[in-house]
Amino acid sequence: MTRPTTRPTNVERFFDVDDIIVSKTDTKGIITYANQVFIDIAGYTEEELLGQNHNVIRHPDMPRCVFKLLWDTIAQGQEIFAYVKNMAKGGDHYWVWAHVTPTFGPDGKIIGYHSSRRVPERAAVEKAEGLYATLREIEHKGGDGSAAMAQSFQAVVDLLTEAGIEYDEFAFSL
């Protein structure tokens, strides 16, 4: 499924603080499960989501390097927490505090991924927006190529190194 004509509306959607958005994917990011909260906030039907790449909800304001960090981490068998701005079917957006974990088969190999998303703290969203704007600027200056993403990814690495913390500690500090 592609959304070539969907553009961000700058309208934010919200979900209840007690709700949890849940999805599962295979190792390639193809959605294999979406709970009703996910379906409702994203504005898709279950049929529209299942079998699609999870990036169907990717908002263009999200820097590519954040997803590189996320995918690199979970592919190594580790969990990650991240603030993510997603885009609903009609172009509205919603922020989440995501916890993404690998799912392991009986042989210990990764067979998919599980993501639970909660309502984020507003102060953390504001901080994430500023950081993400900086990272997007780095990516845009470098063009669409992998060099631009590498530069923004390095900016994240430098930020963490300078602060002397791991990414999860940084995310929890926002």
C-alpha atoms as a PDB file:
ATOM      1  CA  MET A   1       0.000   0.000   0.000  1.00  0.00           C
ATOM      2  CA  THR A   2       1.347   3.413  -0.870  1.00  0.00           C
ATOM      3  CA  ARG A   3       0.079   6.863  -0.001  1.00  0.00           C
ATOM      4  CA  PRO A   4       1.447   9.016  -2.809  1.00  0.00           C
ATOM      5  CA  THR A   5      -1.204  11.703  -2.380  1.00  0.00           C
ATOM      6  CA  THR A   6      -1.337  11.774   1.426  1.00  0.00           C
ATOM      7  CA  ARG A   7       0.276  14.840   2.869  1.00  0.00           C
ATOM      8  CA  PRO A   8       0.655  15.790   6.513  1.00  0.00           C
ATOM      9  CA  THR A   9      -2.280  17.841   7.772  1.00  0.00           C
ATOM     10  CA  ASN A  10      -0.500  19.216  10.875  1.00  0.00           C
ATOM     11  CA  VAL A  11      -3.503  17.961  12.875  1.00  0.00           C
ATOM     12  CA  GLU A  12      -2.501  15.882  15.866  1.00  0.00           C
ATOM     13  CA  ARG A  13      -4.511  12.872  16.998  1.00  0.00           C
ATOM     14  CA  PHE A  14      -4.471  11.618  20.561  1.00  0.00           C
ATOM     15  CA  PHE A  15      -5.254   8.335  22.228  1.00  0.00           C
ATOM     16  CA  ASP A  16      -6.186   7.610  25.828  1.00  0.00           C
ATOM     17  CA  VAL A  17      -3.412   7.429  28.398  1.00  0.00           C
ATOM     18  CA  ASP A  18      -4.648   3.953  29.383  1.00  0.00           C
ATOM     19  CA  ASP A  19      -4.536   2.661  25.796  1.00  0.00           C
ATOM     20  CA  ILE A  20      -1.629   0.730  24.341  1.00  0.00           C
ATOM     21  CA  ILE A  21      -1.016   0.570  20.604  1.00  0.00           C
ATOM     22  CA  VAL A  22       0.263  -2.893  19.731  1.00  0.00           C
ATOM     23  CA  SER A  23       1.597  -4.312  16.492  1.00  0.00           C
ATOM     24  CA  LYS A  24       3.704  -7.254  15.446  1.00  0.00           C
ATOM     25  CA  THR A  25       5.802  -7.622  12.322  1.00  0.00           C
ATOM     26  CA  ASP A  26       7.921 -10.250  10.667  1.00  0.00           C
ATOM     27  CA  THR A  27      11.673  -9.694  10.375  1.00  0.00           C
ATOM     28  CA  LYS A  28      11.194  -7.527   7.280  1.00  0.00           C
ATOM     29  CA  GLY A  29       8.774  -5.148   9.025  1.00  0.00           C
ATOM     30  CA  ILE A  30       5.594  -6.535   7.450  1.00  0.00           C
ATOM     31  CA  ILE A  31       2.638  -6.109   9.828  1.00  0.00           C
ATOM     32  CA  THR A  32       1.269  -9.444  11.043  1.00  0.00           C
ATOM     33  CA  TYR A  33      -0.902  -8.100  13.889  1.00  0.00           C
ATOM     34  CA  ALA A  34      -2.495  -4.767  14.762  1.00  0.00           C
ATOM     35  CA  ASN A  35      -4.697  -4.219  17.811  1.00  0.00           C
ATOM     36  CA  GLN A  36      -7.854  -2.124  17.684  1.00  0.00           C
ATOM     37  CA  VAL A  37      -6.178   0.926  19.252  1.00  0.00           C
ATOM     38  CA  PHE A  38      -3.607   0.905  16.420  1.00  0.00           C
ATOM     39  CA  ILE A  39      -6.323   0.479  13.804  1.00  0.00           C
ATOM     40  CA  ASP A  40      -8.381   3.337  15.276  1.00  0.00           C
ATOM     41  CA  ILE A  41      -5.574   5.887  15.703  1.00  0.00           C
ATOM     42  CA  ALA A  42      -3.960   5.107  12.326  1.00  0.00           C
ATOM     43  CA  GLY A  43      -7.293   5.307  10.501  1.00  0.00           C
ATOM     44  CA  TYR A  44      -6.756   2.101   8.516  1.00  0.00           C
ATOM     45  CA  THR A  45      -8.809  -1.047   8.550  1.00  0.00           C
ATOM     46  CA  GLU A  46      -7.186  -4.236   9.761  1.00  0.00           C
ATOM     47  CA  GLU A  47      -7.249  -5.519   6.191  1.00  0.00           C
ATOM     48  CA  GLU A  48      -5.384  -2.423   4.998  1.00  0.00           C
ATOM     49  CA  LEU A  49      -2.663  -2.854   7.631  1.00  0.00           C
ATOM     50  CA  LEU A  50      -1.999  -6.584   7.654  1.00  0.00           C
ATOM     51  CA  GLY A  51       0.607  -7.562   5.096  1.00  0.00           C
ATOM     52  CA  GLN A  52       1.868  -3.980   4.698  1.00  0.00           C
ATOM     53  CA  ASN A  53       5.270  -2.685   5.723  1.00  0.00           C
ATOM     54  CA  HIS A  54       5.115  -0.912   9.078  1.00  0.00           C
ATOM     55  CA  ASN A  55       6.489   2.204   7.406  1.00  0.00           C
ATOM     56  CA  VAL A  56       2.979   2.772   6.021  1.00  0.00           C
ATOM     57  CA  ILE A  57       2.548   5.010   9.097  1.00  0.00           C
ATOM     58  CA  ARG A  58       5.920   6.741   8.822  1.00  0.00           C
ATOM     59  CA  HIS A  59       5.633  10.500   9.115  1.00  0.00           C
ATOM     60  CA  PRO A  60       7.983  12.523   6.894  1.00  0.00           C
ATOM     61  CA  ASP A  61       9.095  14.524   9.957  1.00  0.00           C
ATOM     62  CA  MET A  62      10.850  11.438  11.324  1.00  0.00           C
ATOM     63  CA  PRO A  63      14.574  11.387  10.545  1.00  0.00           C
ATOM     64  CA  ARG A  64      15.717   8.236   8.772  1.00  0.00           C
ATOM     65  CA  CYS A  65      18.598   7.814  11.206  1.00  0.00           C
ATOM     66  CA  VAL A  66      16.176   7.209  14.093  1.00  0.00           C
ATOM     67  CA  PHE A  67      14.740   4.224  12.244  1.00  0.00           C
ATOM     68  CA  LYS A  68      18.242   3.009  11.388  1.00  0.00           C
ATOM     69  CA  LEU A  69      19.100   3.057  15.077  1.00  0.00           C
ATOM     70  CA  LEU A  70      15.838   1.282  15.913  1.00  0.00           C
ATOM     71  CA  TRP A  71      16.271  -1.453  13.290  1.00  0.00           C
ATOM     72  CA  ASP A  72      19.976  -1.948  14.034  1.00  0.00           C
ATOM     73  CA  THR A  73      19.181  -2.372  17.737  1.00  0.00           C
ATOM     74  CA  ILE A  74      16.320  -4.844  17.419  1.00  0.00           C
ATOM     75  CA  ALA A  75      18.115  -6.834  14.706  1.00  0.00           C
ATOM     76  CA  GLN A  76      20.862  -7.412  17.299  1.00  0.00           C
ATOM     77  CA  GLY A  77      18.274  -8.943  19.626  1.00  0.00           C
ATOM     78  CA  GLN A  78      17.967  -5.927  21.912  1.00  0.00           C
ATOM     79  CA  GLU A  79      14.937  -3.877  22.890  1.00  0.00           C
ATOM     80  CA  ILE A  80      14.678  -0.143  22.243  1.00  0.00           C
ATOM     81  CA  PHE A  81      12.529   2.751  23.410  1.00  0.00           C
ATOM     82  CA  ALA A  82      11.900   5.735  21.157  1.00  0.00           C
ATOM     83  CA  TYR A  83       9.657   8.733  20.635  1.00  0.00           C
ATOM     84  CA  VAL A  84       8.043   8.398  17.230  1.00  0.00           C
ATOM     85  CA  LYS A  85       5.789  10.666  15.211  1.00  0.00           C
ATOM     86  CA  ASN A  86       3.480   8.560  13.047  1.00  0.00           C
ATOM     87  CA  MET A  87       1.114   9.575  10.258  1.00  0.00           C
ATOM     88  CA  ALA A  88      -2.457   8.330  10.046  1.00  0.00           C
ATOM     89  CA  LYS A  89      -4.097   7.380   6.763  1.00  0.00           C
ATOM     90  CA  GLY A  90      -5.557  10.845   6.172  1.00  0.00           C
ATOM     91  CA  GLY A  91      -2.358  12.753   7.012  1.00  0.00           C
ATOM     92  CA  ASP A  92      -2.996  13.531  10.695  1.00  0.00           C
ATOM     93  CA  HIS A  93      -0.189  12.630  13.062  1.00  0.00           C
ATOM     94  CA  TYR A  94       0.179  11.103  16.491  1.00  0.00           C
ATOM     95  CA  TRP A  95       3.147  10.785  18.828  1.00  0.00           C
ATOM     96  CA  VAL A  96       4.001   7.601  20.703  1.00  0.00           C
ATOM     97  CA  TRP A  97       6.496   6.365  23.272  1.00  0.00           C
ATOM     98  CA  ALA A  98       7.439   3.109  21.579  1.00  0.00           C
ATOM     99  CA  HIS A  99       8.936   0.004  23.119  1.00  0.00           C
ATOM    100  CA  VAL A 100      10.097  -2.366  20.379  1.00  0.00           C
ATOM    101  CA  THR A 101      11.383  -5.844  21.128  1.00  0.00           C
ATOM    102  CA  PRO A 102      12.483  -8.802  19.050  1.00  0.00           C
ATOM    103  CA  THR A 103      10.401 -11.985  19.170  1.00  0.00           C
ATOM    104  CA  PHE A 104      12.455 -15.161  19.379  1.00  0.00           C
ATOM    105  CA  GLY A 105      11.556 -18.603  18.052  1.00  0.00           C
ATOM    106  CA  PRO A 106      12.211 -21.875  19.896  1.00  0.00           C
ATOM    107  CA  ASP A 107      15.696 -22.011  18.369  1.00  0.00           C
ATOM    108  CA  GLY A 108      16.596 -18.597  19.800  1.00  0.00           C
ATOM    109  CA  LYS A 109      16.540 -16.841  16.416  1.00  0.00           C
ATOM    110  CA  ILE A 110      14.589 -13.649  15.812  1.00  0.00           C
ATOM    111  CA  ILE A 111      11.296 -14.416  14.044  1.00  0.00           C
ATOM    112  CA  GLY A 112       9.685 -10.983  14.260  1.00  0.00           C
ATOM    113  CA  TYR A 113       9.213  -7.847  16.293  1.00  0.00           C
ATOM    114  CA  HIS A 114       6.655  -6.610  18.792  1.00  0.00           C
ATOM    115  CA  SER A 115       5.916  -2.949  19.438  1.00  0.00           C
ATOM    116  CA  SER A 116       3.879  -1.495  22.291  1.00  0.00           C
ATOM    117  CA  ARG A 117       3.267   2.224  22.190  1.00  0.00           C
ATOM    118  CA  ARG A 118       1.954   4.473  24.929  1.00  0.00           C
ATOM    119  CA  VAL A 119       1.012   8.125  25.205  1.00  0.00           C
ATOM    120  CA  PRO A 120       4.268  10.114  25.465  1.00  0.00           C
ATOM    121  CA  GLU A 121       5.032  12.892  27.910  1.00  0.00           C
ATOM    122  CA  ARG A 122       4.411  16.243  26.159  1.00  0.00           C
ATOM    123  CA  ALA A 123       7.674  17.760  27.410  1.00  0.00           C
ATOM    124  CA  ALA A 124       9.569  14.815  25.891  1.00  0.00           C
ATOM    125  CA  VAL A 125       7.719  15.238  22.575  1.00  0.00           C
ATOM    126  CA  GLU A 126       8.805  18.875  22.450  1.00  0.00           C
ATOM    127  CA  LYS A 127      12.438  17.875  23.039  1.00  0.00           C
ATOM    128  CA  ALA A 128      12.207  15.085  20.468  1.00  0.00           C
ATOM    129  CA  GLU A 129      10.728  17.497  17.904  1.00  0.00           C
ATOM    130  CA  GLY A 130      13.738  19.802  18.300  1.00  0.00           C
ATOM    131  CA  LEU A 131      16.254  16.978  18.003  1.00  0.00           C
ATOM    132  CA  TYR A 132      14.431  15.437  15.043  1.00  0.00           C
ATOM    133  CA  ALA A 133      14.299  18.787  13.246  1.00  0.00           C
ATOM    134  CA  THR A 134      18.086  19.074  13.617  1.00  0.00           C
ATOM    135  CA  LEU A 135      18.601  15.530  12.327  1.00  0.00           C
ATOM    136  CA  ARG A 136      16.248  16.101   9.368  1.00  0.00           C
ATOM    137  CA  GLU A 137      18.147  19.272   8.493  1.00  0.00           C
ATOM    138  CA  ILE A 138      21.391  17.286   8.411  1.00  0.00           C
ATOM    139  CA  GLU A 139      19.714  14.651   6.237  1.00  0.00           C
ATOM    140  CA  HIS A 140      18.233  17.241   3.861  1.00  0.00           C
ATOM    141  CA  LYS A 141      21.528  19.073   3.438  1.00  0.00           C
ATOM    142  CA  GLY A 142      23.157  15.835   2.394  1.00  0.00           C
ATOM    143  CA  GLY A 143      20.460  14.927  -0.135  1.00  0.00           C
ATOM    144  CA  ASP A 144      18.596  11.646  -0.388  1.00  0.00           C
ATOM    145  CA  GLY A 145      21.605   9.360  -0.352  1.00  0.00           C
ATOM    146  CA  SER A 146      23.043   7.134   2.300  1.00  0.00           C
ATOM    147  CA  ALA A 147      25.767   9.706   3.050  1.00  0.00           C
ATOM    148  CA  ALA A 148      23.142  12.126   4.398  1.00  0.00           C
ATOM    149  CA  MET A 149      21.658   9.476   6.641  1.00  0.00           C
ATOM    150  CA  ALA A 150      25.134   8.460   7.795  1.00  0.00           C
ATOM    151  CA  GLN A 151      25.825  12.077   8.759  1.00  0.00           C
ATOM    152  CA  SER A 152      22.631  12.358  10.803  1.00  0.00           C
ATOM    153  CA  PHE A 153      23.259   8.946  12.378  1.00  0.00           C
ATOM    154  CA  GLN A 154      26.757  10.113  13.326  1.00  0.00           C
ATOM    155  CA  ALA A 155      25.198  13.224  14.878  1.00  0.00           C
ATOM    156  CA  VAL A 156      23.154  10.948  17.160  1.00  0.00           C
ATOM    157  CA  VAL A 157      26.236   8.888  18.025  1.00  0.00           C
ATOM    158  CA  ASP A 158      28.190  12.079  18.772  1.00  0.00           C
ATOM    159  CA  LEU A 159      25.382  13.411  20.969  1.00  0.00           C
ATOM    160  CA  LEU A 160      25.303  10.192  22.990  1.00  0.00           C
ATOM    161  CA  THR A 161      29.099   9.994  23.220  1.00  0.00           C
ATOM    162  CA  GLU A 162      29.317  13.619  24.352  1.00  0.00           C
ATOM    163  CA  ALA A 163      26.676  12.976  27.017  1.00  0.00           C
ATOM    164  CA  GLY A 164      28.368   9.723  28.032  1.00  0.00           C
ATOM    165  CA  ILE A 165      25.113   7.747  27.896  1.00  0.00           C
ATOM    166  CA  GLU A 166      23.502   4.909  25.974  1.00  0.00           C
ATOM    167  CA  TYR A 167      20.545   5.642  23.695  1.00  0.00           C
ATOM    168  CA  ASP A 168      17.901   4.219  26.056  1.00  0.00           C
ATOM    169  CA  GLU A 169      19.197   6.356  28.916  1.00  0.00           C
ATOM    170  CA  PHE A 170      19.014   9.373  26.603  1.00  0.00           C
ATOM    171  CA  ALA A 171      15.442   8.522  25.527  1.00  0.00           C
ATOM    172  CA  PHE A 172      14.313   8.145  29.117  1.00  0.00           C
ATOM    173  CA  SER A 173      15.910  11.484  29.996  1.00  0.00           C
ATOM    174  CA  LEU A 174      13.766  13.493  27.588  1.00  0.00           C
END
